Amino acid sequence: MFLYFNVEYYLNMLKRIWSKKGWPGRYKMLFRLLVLVPGLYLIHSVFFFLDKILFPGLWFQKIEKPIFIVGHARSGTTLISRLLAYDSERFNYFLYWEMFFPSLTEKKIIRGLGVLDRLLLGSFFFNRLKAWDDKTFGPYRDIHNMGLWVPEEDDFVMNVTFFAAYWQLPAPLMDTNDMFYLDKKPAAQRRRVMNTFKECVRRQLYLNGGNKTHLSKNPVYSGRVGSILEAFPDARIVVNMRDPLECVPSNLKLMEGNYQGKGWDPADYAGSLKVLEEMSYDCFHIPRQVLQQNPETPSMVVDYRELVAQPKETIEKLYHTLGLRMTDAYTAILEERDSKSRKHSTKHSYSTEEFGMDVGKMHRELAEFYEEYQWEVPTV
């Protein structure tokens, strides 16, 4: 099987970058799009094809009862996924670096090189990678803890397909390249996208022993819960819930800072921020609607306030709801992490006025959630 590739979105971005002659990152991005993207796609596709020849056990690798964590960005999805990831004997997940190499063969080669580096070179290359990792991600870890050896959103493994939320970061194209509403795409495209993702998960499971439960955390997958259940009928869904006044402007601020850092003018990204704002409401609505249509799907909604105030109790409740047994070893880890997680907070604050948000519309769009969770009604 070769990897899926979204030619339409690729050409849309290429056209946009080609036309922005005043953008400072134009030549670098054009080189990336014209040389690196197709070159890496071909390399990864060849290795992806070879995987089932070199590792015939892949044909029989099952993906059973995976867990998908969705919900609006900045709603605690990272916190809960990292807490669950401490149960490493149970869960399979991607480390950040592993998602740059979707093929099993590639990962095996890199792990082998890592062993040689440690045995023959005293971890020379690892230490330099670690220094780069700290320099690159260290300044931002109070906002979002990220690093090469940290579990991350596994949608990154789809970067090579050009159907991943990552491709909204280099250039503001949310008005033309919709990575969110996969459930609304034609059935054939949904299958191609999810089959590629499924094959990436299959390889990661095989790499990690084959007998674990896959753990996936992607806020953008709030728009594809239906597609998830089509591809993984026995999936279990966790939905994080947080006051939109806290998480929506926070996410807008992150994206604005990203575009500013890449040299885009406000006029270039204003439309994308407006699309992102509108999309925010569906991060609440779509998971609820799909789960109501699939009442047999094991699921749980996690209130951000409870997660932060009582992380251990929240995880215990989640395990009970999803039919998981908590081991003594994991319980001990949770107790150790509990006090640290309770301190999970942010020093950042964001205002709706900064983005011209209509808070009255926010309340109208999410009225049922405001009533259910007793969030403070925004002042118009």
Protein backbone atom coordinates (compact mmCIF):
# COMPACT_ATOMS: atom_id res chain seq x y z
CA MET A 1 0.00 0.00 0.00
CA PHE A 2 1.26 3.46 -0.95
CA LEU A 3 0.48 6.56 1.05
CA TYR A 4 -2.49 8.78 0.23
CA PHE A 5 -1.64 12.27 -1.03
CA ASN A 6 -4.04 15.23 -1.30
CA VAL A 7 -2.96 16.75 -4.61
CA GLU A 8 -5.66 19.45 -4.51
CA TYR A 9 -4.51 20.89 -1.17
CA TYR A 10 -0.87 20.68 -2.23
CA LEU A 11 -1.56 22.68 -5.39
CA ASN A 12 -3.65 25.22 -3.46
CA MET A 13 -0.74 25.92 -1.13
CA LEU A 14 1.77 26.00 -3.97
CA LYS A 15 -0.38 28.52 -5.84
CA ARG A 16 -0.77 30.69 -2.74
CA ILE A 17 2.93 30.71 -1.89
CA TRP A 18 3.90 31.35 -5.51
CA SER A 19 1.66 34.44 -5.61
CA LYS A 20 2.96 35.98 -2.33
CA LYS A 21 6.07 37.62 -3.74
CA GLY A 22 6.41 39.92 -0.75
CA TRP A 23 6.31 37.17 1.89
CA PRO A 24 9.78 36.69 3.45
CA GLY A 25 9.45 32.91 3.68
CA ARG A 26 8.45 32.47 0.02
CA TYR A 27 11.63 30.95 -1.43
CA LYS A 28 12.22 28.63 1.48
CA MET A 29 8.63 27.38 1.34
CA LEU A 30 8.72 26.98 -2.44
CA PHE A 31 11.85 24.82 -2.12
CA ARG A 32 10.07 22.78 0.51
CA LEU A 33 6.95 22.33 -1.62
CA LEU A 34 8.67 21.71 -4.95
CA VAL A 35 11.60 19.57 -3.75
CA LEU A 36 11.25 18.25 -0.21
CA VAL A 37 7.54 17.41 -0.13
CA PRO A 38 7.46 15.25 -3.31
CA GLY A 39 10.88 13.76 -2.58
CA LEU A 40 9.99 12.73 0.97
CA TYR A 41 6.61 11.45 -0.15
CA LEU A 42 8.29 9.09 -2.62
CA ILE A 43 10.84 7.89 -0.07
CA HIS A 44 8.24 7.29 2.64
CA SER A 45 5.89 5.57 0.16
CA VAL A 46 8.59 3.14 -0.96
CA PHE A 47 9.43 2.21 2.63
CA PHE A 48 5.72 2.01 3.47
CA PHE A 49 5.27 -0.47 0.60
CA LEU A 50 8.29 -2.52 1.74
CA ASP A 51 7.02 -2.80 5.33
CA LYS A 52 4.67 -5.71 4.69
CA ILE A 53 7.32 -7.51 2.68
CA LEU A 54 10.05 -7.13 5.28
CA PHE A 55 7.66 -7.62 8.21
CA PRO A 56 4.95 -10.08 7.11
CA GLY A 57 3.53 -10.07 10.64
CA LEU A 58 2.04 -6.68 9.80
CA TRP A 59 -0.62 -8.42 7.72
CA PHE A 60 -2.00 -9.93 10.93
CA GLN A 61 -1.53 -6.95 13.29
CA LYS A 62 -4.87 -6.05 14.85
CA ILE A 63 -5.99 -2.64 16.13
CA GLU A 64 -8.41 -3.33 18.96
CA LYS A 65 -10.51 -0.82 20.87
CA PRO A 66 -8.35 2.28 20.32
CA ILE A 67 -9.02 5.37 22.40
CA PHE A 68 -9.42 8.76 20.72
CA ILE A 69 -9.28 11.98 22.74
CA VAL A 70 -11.01 14.90 21.03
CA GLY A 71 -12.40 18.29 22.05
CA HIS A 72 -11.50 21.90 21.45
CA ALA A 73 -7.82 22.79 21.48
CA ARG A 74 -6.63 24.09 24.86
CA SER A 75 -9.29 22.04 26.68
CA GLY A 76 -6.90 19.72 28.49
CA THR A 77 -6.52 17.08 25.76
CA THR A 78 -2.74 17.13 26.14
CA LEU A 79 -2.93 16.86 29.93
CA ILE A 80 -5.22 13.83 29.91
CA SER A 81 -3.33 12.08 27.13
CA ARG A 82 -0.01 12.53 28.93
CA LEU A 83 -1.52 11.17 32.14
CA LEU A 84 -2.80 8.13 30.27
CA ALA A 85 0.54 7.69 28.49
CA TYR A 86 2.17 6.98 31.87
CA ASP A 87 0.36 3.64 31.66
CA SER A 88 3.00 2.64 29.12
CA GLU A 89 2.43 -1.10 29.53
CA ARG A 90 -1.11 -0.64 28.24
CA PHE A 91 -0.98 2.14 25.67
CA ASN A 92 0.62 2.54 22.28
CA TYR A 93 1.29 6.08 21.02
CA PHE A 94 3.58 8.03 18.74
CA LEU A 95 6.51 10.02 20.03
CA TYR A 96 6.96 13.24 18.10
CA TRP A 97 10.06 12.10 16.19
CA GLU A 98 8.38 8.86 15.15
CA MET A 99 5.73 10.72 13.19
CA PHE A 100 8.32 12.08 10.75
CA PHE A 101 8.86 8.46 9.67
CA PRO A 102 5.52 6.71 9.04
CA SER A 103 7.15 3.51 7.82
CA LEU A 104 7.96 0.68 10.23
CA THR A 105 11.19 -0.01 8.35
CA GLU A 106 12.30 3.61 8.77
CA LYS A 107 11.69 3.50 12.50
CA LYS A 108 13.55 0.21 12.86
CA ILE A 109 16.55 1.67 11.02
CA ILE A 110 16.58 4.82 13.15
CA ARG A 111 16.28 2.86 16.38
CA GLY A 112 19.17 0.68 15.21
CA LEU A 113 21.28 3.74 14.47
CA GLY A 114 20.44 5.00 17.96
CA VAL A 115 21.80 1.79 19.48
CA LEU A 116 25.01 2.11 17.47
CA ASP A 117 25.33 5.77 18.51
CA ARG A 118 25.03 4.80 22.17
CA LEU A 119 27.40 1.80 21.98
CA LEU A 120 30.07 3.14 19.63
CA LEU A 121 29.93 6.93 19.94
CA GLY A 122 28.89 7.50 23.54
CA SER A 123 25.53 8.97 22.44
CA PHE A 124 27.28 11.71 20.46
CA PHE A 125 24.38 12.31 18.07
CA PHE A 126 21.71 11.80 20.71
CA ASN A 127 23.25 14.49 22.93
CA ARG A 128 23.28 16.95 20.05
CA LEU A 129 19.69 16.15 19.20
CA LYS A 130 18.79 16.66 22.85
CA ALA A 131 20.48 20.08 22.85
CA TRP A 132 18.60 21.04 19.67
CA ASP A 133 15.35 19.80 21.21
CA ASP A 134 15.81 21.92 24.35
CA LYS A 135 16.73 25.00 22.33
CA THR A 136 13.85 24.60 19.88
CA PHE A 137 10.99 23.58 22.17
CA GLY A 138 12.19 24.63 25.62
CA PRO A 139 11.01 28.29 25.46
CA TYR A 140 7.44 27.20 24.65
CA ARG A 141 6.94 24.33 27.08
CA ASP A 142 4.96 26.46 29.52
CA ILE A 143 2.37 26.86 26.73
CA HIS A 144 2.53 23.37 25.25
CA ASN A 145 5.03 20.76 26.40
CA MET A 146 6.58 19.49 23.20
CA GLY A 147 9.72 17.61 22.26
CA LEU A 148 11.12 14.87 20.04
CA TRP A 149 10.63 12.21 22.72
CA VAL A 150 7.23 13.37 23.98
CA PRO A 151 3.88 11.79 22.98
CA GLU A 152 2.15 14.16 20.57
CA GLU A 153 -0.91 14.52 18.35
CA ASP A 154 -0.66 11.58 16.00
CA ASP A 155 -2.22 13.55 13.15
CA PHE A 156 1.39 14.64 12.54
CA VAL A 157 2.04 11.21 11.04
CA MET A 158 -0.28 12.29 8.19
CA ASN A 159 1.91 15.27 7.23
CA VAL A 160 3.35 13.32 4.31
CA THR A 161 -0.17 12.91 2.87
CA PHE A 162 -0.82 16.67 2.82
CA PHE A 163 -4.01 16.06 4.76
CA ALA A 164 -2.93 17.02 8.27
CA ALA A 165 -3.66 20.02 10.48
CA TYR A 166 0.07 20.79 10.44
CA TRP A 167 -0.26 22.23 6.93
CA GLN A 168 -2.40 25.06 8.33
CA LEU A 169 0.68 26.32 10.20
CA PRO A 170 3.07 27.41 7.41
CA ALA A 171 0.44 29.42 5.53
CA PRO A 172 -3.09 30.64 6.38
CA LEU A 173 -5.25 28.55 4.06
CA MET A 174 -8.17 27.49 6.23
CA ASP A 175 -10.58 29.04 3.72
CA THR A 176 -9.44 26.68 0.93
CA ASN A 177 -7.75 23.70 2.61
CA ASP A 178 -10.22 22.20 5.07
CA MET A 179 -8.46 19.63 7.26
CA PHE A 180 -11.24 19.60 9.87
CA TYR A 181 -14.55 18.48 8.37
CA LEU A 182 -13.47 15.08 7.10
CA ASP A 183 -16.91 13.68 7.95
CA LYS A 184 -18.35 15.91 5.21
CA LYS A 185 -15.92 14.76 2.51
CA PRO A 186 -16.88 12.15 -0.13
CA ALA A 187 -16.89 8.59 1.18
CA ALA A 188 -13.98 7.55 -1.04
CA GLN A 189 -11.76 10.33 0.30
CA ARG A 190 -12.72 9.54 3.89
CA ARG A 191 -11.70 5.93 3.35
CA ARG A 192 -8.37 6.85 1.76
CA VAL A 193 -7.46 9.27 4.53
CA MET A 194 -8.49 6.98 7.37
CA ASN A 195 -7.00 3.85 5.79
CA THR A 196 -3.63 5.58 5.58
CA PHE A 197 -3.91 6.71 9.20
CA LYS A 198 -4.97 3.18 10.18
CA GLU A 199 -1.93 1.68 8.47
CA CYS A 200 0.36 4.12 10.31
CA VAL A 201 -1.21 3.08 13.63
CA ARG A 202 -0.83 -0.60 12.68
CA ARG A 203 2.90 -0.10 12.13
CA GLN A 204 3.33 1.73 15.42
CA LEU A 205 1.55 -1.06 17.29
CA TYR A 206 3.75 -3.68 15.65
CA LEU A 207 6.85 -1.65 16.53
CA ASN A 208 5.82 -1.53 20.20
CA GLY A 209 5.04 -5.20 20.61
CA GLY A 210 1.65 -5.54 18.96
CA ASN A 211 -0.48 -6.13 22.06
CA LYS A 212 -1.23 -2.61 23.27
CA THR A 213 -4.16 -0.22 22.97
CA HIS A 214 -3.59 2.72 20.67
CA LEU A 215 -4.02 6.14 22.31
CA SER A 216 -4.75 9.07 20.00
CA LYS A 217 -5.12 12.74 20.94
CA ASN A 218 -6.12 15.26 18.27
CA PRO A 219 -8.40 18.27 18.84
CA VAL A 220 -8.78 18.58 15.05
CA TYR A 221 -10.33 15.09 15.02
CA SER A 222 -13.39 16.63 16.65
CA GLY A 223 -14.50 17.14 13.05
CA ARG A 224 -14.01 13.51 12.08
CA VAL A 225 -15.50 11.44 14.90
CA GLY A 226 -17.83 9.83 12.37
CA SER A 227 -14.87 8.90 10.15
CA ILE A 228 -13.06 7.47 13.18
CA LEU A 229 -15.97 5.16 13.93
CA GLU A 230 -16.15 4.10 10.28
CA ALA A 231 -12.48 3.10 10.33
CA PHE A 232 -12.41 1.82 13.93
CA PRO A 233 -15.91 0.50 14.79
CA ASP A 234 -14.81 -0.58 18.29
CA ALA A 235 -13.14 2.76 19.13
CA ARG A 236 -13.70 4.48 22.45
CA ILE A 237 -14.08 8.26 22.49
CA VAL A 238 -13.06 10.76 25.16
CA VAL A 239 -14.34 14.32 24.72
CA ASN A 240 -12.74 17.16 26.67
CA MET A 241 -14.98 20.07 27.61
CA ARG A 242 -13.87 23.57 28.66
CA ASP A 243 -15.45 27.01 28.86
CA PRO A 244 -15.17 28.44 25.31
CA LEU A 245 -14.24 31.87 26.71
CA GLU A 246 -11.05 30.23 27.98
CA CYS A 247 -10.11 27.92 25.13
CA VAL A 248 -11.35 29.64 21.94
CA PRO A 249 -9.42 32.95 22.22
CA SER A 250 -6.42 31.02 23.55
CA ASN A 251 -6.33 28.93 20.38
CA LEU A 252 -6.80 32.01 18.19
CA LYS A 253 -3.89 33.70 19.95
CA LEU A 254 -1.65 30.70 19.33
CA MET A 255 -2.45 30.68 15.62
CA GLU A 256 -2.04 34.45 15.34
CA GLY A 257 1.38 34.22 16.98
CA ASN A 258 2.32 31.41 14.62
CA TYR A 259 1.42 33.43 11.51
CA GLN A 260 3.10 36.57 12.82
CA GLY A 261 6.25 34.59 13.55
CA LYS A 262 6.33 33.41 9.94
CA GLY A 263 6.05 36.95 8.59
CA TRP A 264 2.43 36.95 7.42
CA ASP A 265 0.51 40.23 7.52
CA PRO A 266 -2.79 40.46 9.46
CA ALA A 267 -4.67 40.82 6.17
CA ASP A 268 -3.26 37.46 5.07
CA TYR A 269 -4.45 35.48 8.09
CA ALA A 270 -7.59 37.36 9.20
CA GLY A 271 -9.81 35.09 7.10
CA SER A 272 -8.24 31.93 8.51
CA LEU A 273 -8.72 33.13 12.08
CA LYS A 274 -12.40 33.79 11.34
CA VAL A 275 -12.77 30.27 9.91
CA LEU A 276 -11.04 28.91 13.01
CA GLU A 277 -13.46 30.80 15.25
CA GLU A 278 -16.47 29.35 13.42
CA MET A 279 -14.91 25.90 13.51
CA SER A 280 -14.58 26.19 17.28
CA TYR A 281 -18.32 25.81 17.79
CA ASP A 282 -18.31 22.52 15.88
CA CYS A 283 -15.57 21.20 18.16
CA PHE A 284 -18.35 21.14 20.76
CA HIS A 285 -21.26 20.09 18.57
CA ILE A 286 -19.89 17.38 16.27
CA PRO A 287 -18.57 14.90 18.89
CA ARG A 288 -21.86 15.14 20.80
CA GLN A 289 -23.98 14.66 17.68
CA VAL A 290 -21.99 11.67 16.44
CA LEU A 291 -21.97 9.96 19.83
CA GLN A 292 -25.71 10.49 20.16
CA GLN A 293 -26.08 8.73 16.80
CA ASN A 294 -23.83 5.90 18.04
CA PRO A 295 -24.99 5.23 21.61
CA GLU A 296 -23.23 1.84 21.64
CA THR A 297 -19.82 3.55 21.42
CA PRO A 298 -18.07 3.65 24.83
CA SER A 299 -17.39 7.30 25.60
CA MET A 300 -16.87 9.83 28.35
CA VAL A 301 -16.91 13.61 28.56
CA VAL A 302 -14.15 15.09 30.73
CA ASP A 303 -14.78 18.47 32.35
CA TYR A 304 -11.56 20.50 32.28
CA ARG A 305 -12.25 21.86 35.76
CA GLU A 306 -12.48 18.37 37.23
CA LEU A 307 -9.43 17.18 35.32
CA VAL A 308 -7.27 19.98 36.73
CA ALA A 309 -8.70 19.85 40.25
CA GLN A 310 -8.84 16.05 40.56
CA PRO A 311 -6.64 14.42 37.92
CA LYS A 312 -6.26 11.04 39.62
CA GLU A 313 -9.98 10.73 40.33
CA THR A 314 -10.78 11.77 36.76
CA ILE A 315 -8.50 9.10 35.29
CA GLU A 316 -9.95 6.47 37.63
CA LYS A 317 -13.45 7.40 36.49
CA LEU A 318 -12.34 7.24 32.86
CA TYR A 319 -10.88 3.75 33.33
CA HIS A 320 -14.10 2.57 34.97
CA THR A 321 -16.27 4.08 32.22
CA LEU A 322 -14.22 2.57 29.39
CA GLY A 323 -13.89 -0.82 31.08
CA LEU A 324 -10.15 -0.66 31.77
CA ARG A 325 -8.41 -2.22 34.76
CA MET A 326 -5.98 0.01 36.59
CA THR A 327 -2.81 -1.74 37.72
CA ASP A 328 -1.09 -1.06 41.04
CA ALA A 329 1.97 0.20 39.21
CA TYR A 330 -0.04 2.76 37.26
CA THR A 331 -1.97 3.81 40.37
CA ALA A 332 1.34 4.56 42.07
CA ILE A 333 2.47 6.65 39.08
CA LEU A 334 -0.82 8.57 39.11
CA GLU A 335 -0.45 9.34 42.80
CA GLU A 336 3.04 10.65 42.14
CA ARG A 337 1.87 12.80 39.24
CA ASP A 338 -1.31 13.95 40.93
CA SER A 339 0.10 16.91 42.84
CA LYS A 340 2.02 18.13 39.80
CA SER A 341 -1.02 17.90 37.55
CA ARG A 342 -3.13 19.84 40.04
CA LYS A 343 -0.76 22.74 39.48
CA HIS A 344 -1.51 22.67 35.73
CA SER A 345 -2.36 26.26 34.92
CA THR A 346 -1.49 29.05 32.55
CA LYS A 347 -0.04 32.50 33.06
CA HIS A 348 -1.55 33.62 29.78
CA SER A 349 -4.88 35.39 29.37
CA TYR A 350 -6.68 36.28 26.19
CA SER A 351 -9.49 38.62 25.28
CA THR A 352 -12.35 38.07 22.85
CA GLU A 353 -12.22 41.74 21.86
CA GLU A 354 -8.69 41.25 20.53
CA PHE A 355 -10.09 39.08 17.74
CA GLY A 356 -13.40 40.89 17.26
CA MET A 357 -15.28 37.85 18.50
CA ASP A 358 -19.05 38.00 18.84
CA VAL A 359 -19.53 36.63 22.37
CA GLY A 360 -23.28 36.89 22.00
CA LYS A 361 -23.10 34.53 19.03
CA MET A 362 -20.81 32.24 21.01
CA HIS A 363 -23.44 31.94 23.71
CA ARG A 364 -26.22 31.36 21.20
CA GLU A 365 -24.24 28.71 19.32
CA LEU A 366 -23.31 26.87 22.50
CA ALA A 367 -26.33 27.63 24.68
CA GLU A 368 -26.96 23.97 25.58
CA PHE A 369 -23.37 23.59 26.76
CA TYR A 370 -23.50 26.80 28.81
CA GLU A 371 -26.61 25.51 30.55
CA GLU A 372 -25.27 22.01 31.14
CA TYR A 373 -21.85 23.02 32.44
CA GLN A 374 -22.93 26.23 34.17
CA TRP A 375 -20.27 28.35 32.52
CA GLU A 376 -20.44 32.08 33.14
CA VAL A 377 -22.52 33.68 30.39
CA PRO A 378 -20.34 36.11 28.41
CA THR A 379 -21.14 39.80 28.62
CA VAL A 380 -22.22 41.18 25.25
